[in-house]
Amino acid sequence: MTKQPPSAIRRAQLRNRIINRIAELDLKDFEAAEELGFSPG
């Protein structure tokens, strides 16, 4: 197994927390994008 730098681990943890929170709120992709200030694409 390749050891990842701490920053990569933190990014993965943050990504997982965001994904889980979006699921908890039952947001559609476009709703989540809008909430985060991104374009739906």
N, C-alpha and C. Protein backbone atom coordinates (compact mmCIF):
# COMPACT_ATOMS: atom_id res chain seq x y z
N MET A 1 0.84 -1.17 0.00
CA MET A 1 0.00 0.00 0.00
C MET A 1 0.89 1.25 0.00
N THR A 2 0.56 2.22 -0.85
CA THR A 2 1.32 3.44 -0.95
C THR A 2 0.89 4.42 0.12
N LYS A 3 1.86 5.01 0.79
CA LYS A 3 1.55 5.99 1.83
C LYS A 3 1.23 7.33 1.18
N GLN A 4 0.08 7.91 1.56
CA GLN A 4 -0.33 9.20 1.02
C GLN A 4 0.13 10.32 1.94
N PRO A 5 0.44 11.49 1.35
CA PRO A 5 0.80 12.63 2.20
C PRO A 5 -0.40 13.07 3.03
N PRO A 6 -0.14 13.68 4.18
CA PRO A 6 -1.25 14.11 5.05
C PRO A 6 -2.27 14.99 4.35
N SER A 7 -1.83 15.86 3.44
CA SER A 7 -2.76 16.74 2.74
C SER A 7 -3.75 15.95 1.89
N ALA A 8 -3.29 14.88 1.26
CA ALA A 8 -4.17 14.05 0.44
C ALA A 8 -5.20 13.34 1.31
N ILE A 9 -4.76 12.91 2.48
CA ILE A 9 -5.68 12.24 3.41
C ILE A 9 -6.75 13.23 3.87
N ARG A 10 -6.33 14.46 4.21
CA ARG A 10 -7.29 15.47 4.66
C ARG A 10 -8.28 15.82 3.57
N ARG A 11 -7.80 15.93 2.33
CA ARG A 11 -8.71 16.22 1.21
C ARG A 11 -9.74 15.10 1.04
N ALA A 12 -9.30 13.86 1.16
CA ALA A 12 -10.20 12.73 1.02
C ALA A 12 -11.22 12.72 2.16
N GLN A 13 -10.77 13.03 3.37
CA GLN A 13 -11.70 13.08 4.51
C GLN A 13 -12.73 14.19 4.32
N LEU A 14 -12.29 15.36 3.86
CA LEU A 14 -13.20 16.47 3.62
C LEU A 14 -14.20 16.12 2.53
N ARG A 15 -13.70 15.52 1.45
CA ARG A 15 -14.59 15.11 0.35
C ARG A 15 -15.67 14.14 0.86
N ASN A 16 -15.26 13.19 1.69
CA ASN A 16 -16.22 12.22 2.22
C ASN A 16 -17.24 12.88 3.14
N ARG A 17 -16.80 13.85 3.94
CA ARG A 17 -17.73 14.57 4.82
C ARG A 17 -18.74 15.36 4.02
N ILE A 18 -18.29 15.99 2.94
CA ILE A 18 -19.20 16.76 2.08
C ILE A 18 -20.20 15.83 1.42
N ILE A 19 -19.73 14.73 0.89
CA ILE A 19 -20.62 13.76 0.23
C ILE A 19 -21.65 13.23 1.21
N ASN A 20 -21.21 12.89 2.42
CA ASN A 20 -22.14 12.37 3.43
C ASN A 20 -23.17 13.42 3.83
N ARG A 21 -22.74 14.66 3.96
CA ARG A 21 -23.68 15.73 4.36
C ARG A 21 -24.70 15.98 3.26
N ILE A 22 -24.27 15.96 2.01
CA ILE A 22 -25.20 16.12 0.89
C ILE A 22 -26.24 15.01 0.92
N ALA A 23 -25.80 13.80 1.21
CA ALA A 23 -26.73 12.66 1.29
C ALA A 23 -27.68 12.83 2.47
N GLU A 24 -27.17 13.29 3.62
CA GLU A 24 -28.02 13.50 4.80
C GLU A 24 -29.12 14.52 4.51
N LEU A 25 -28.77 15.56 3.75
CA LEU A 25 -29.73 16.61 3.42
C LEU A 25 -30.62 16.23 2.24
N ASP A 26 -30.34 15.09 1.62
CA ASP A 26 -31.10 14.58 0.48
C ASP A 26 -31.15 15.61 -0.65
N LEU A 27 -29.99 16.21 -0.94
CA LEU A 27 -29.90 17.20 -2.00
C LEU A 27 -29.63 16.52 -3.34
N LYS A 28 -30.21 17.06 -4.36
CA LYS A 28 -29.91 16.63 -5.73
C LYS A 28 -28.56 17.24 -6.10
N ASP A 29 -27.92 16.72 -7.15
CA ASP A 29 -26.61 17.23 -7.56
C ASP A 29 -26.64 18.73 -7.82
N PHE A 30 -27.65 19.19 -8.56
CA PHE A 30 -27.71 20.61 -8.90
C PHE A 30 -27.96 21.47 -7.66
N GLU A 31 -28.70 20.95 -6.69
CA GLU A 31 -28.94 21.70 -5.45
C GLU A 31 -27.66 21.82 -4.64
N ALA A 32 -26.93 20.73 -4.56
CA ALA A 32 -25.66 20.75 -3.82
C ALA A 32 -24.68 21.70 -4.49
N ALA A 33 -24.60 21.67 -5.81
CA ALA A 33 -23.71 22.57 -6.54
C ALA A 33 -24.06 24.02 -6.26
N GLU A 34 -25.35 24.31 -6.29
CA GLU A 34 -25.81 25.68 -6.04
C GLU A 34 -25.44 26.11 -4.61
N GLU A 35 -25.65 25.25 -3.64
CA GLU A 35 -25.33 25.55 -2.25
C GLU A 35 -23.82 25.81 -2.06
N LEU A 36 -23.01 25.08 -2.81
CA LEU A 36 -21.56 25.22 -2.69
C LEU A 36 -20.99 26.31 -3.58
N GLY A 37 -21.85 26.93 -4.39
CA GLY A 37 -21.40 28.01 -5.26
C GLY A 37 -20.74 27.55 -6.54
N PHE A 38 -21.07 26.34 -6.99
CA PHE A 38 -20.53 25.80 -8.22
C PHE A 38 -21.61 25.75 -9.29
N SER A 39 -21.17 25.65 -10.54
CA SER A 39 -22.14 25.47 -11.61
C SER A 39 -22.58 24.01 -11.58
N PRO A 40 -23.83 23.75 -11.95
CA PRO A 40 -24.35 22.37 -11.87
C PRO A 40 -23.60 21.37 -12.75
N GLY A 41 -22.95 21.83 -13.77
CA GLY A 41 -22.21 20.94 -14.66
C GLY A 41 -21.02 20.34 -13.99
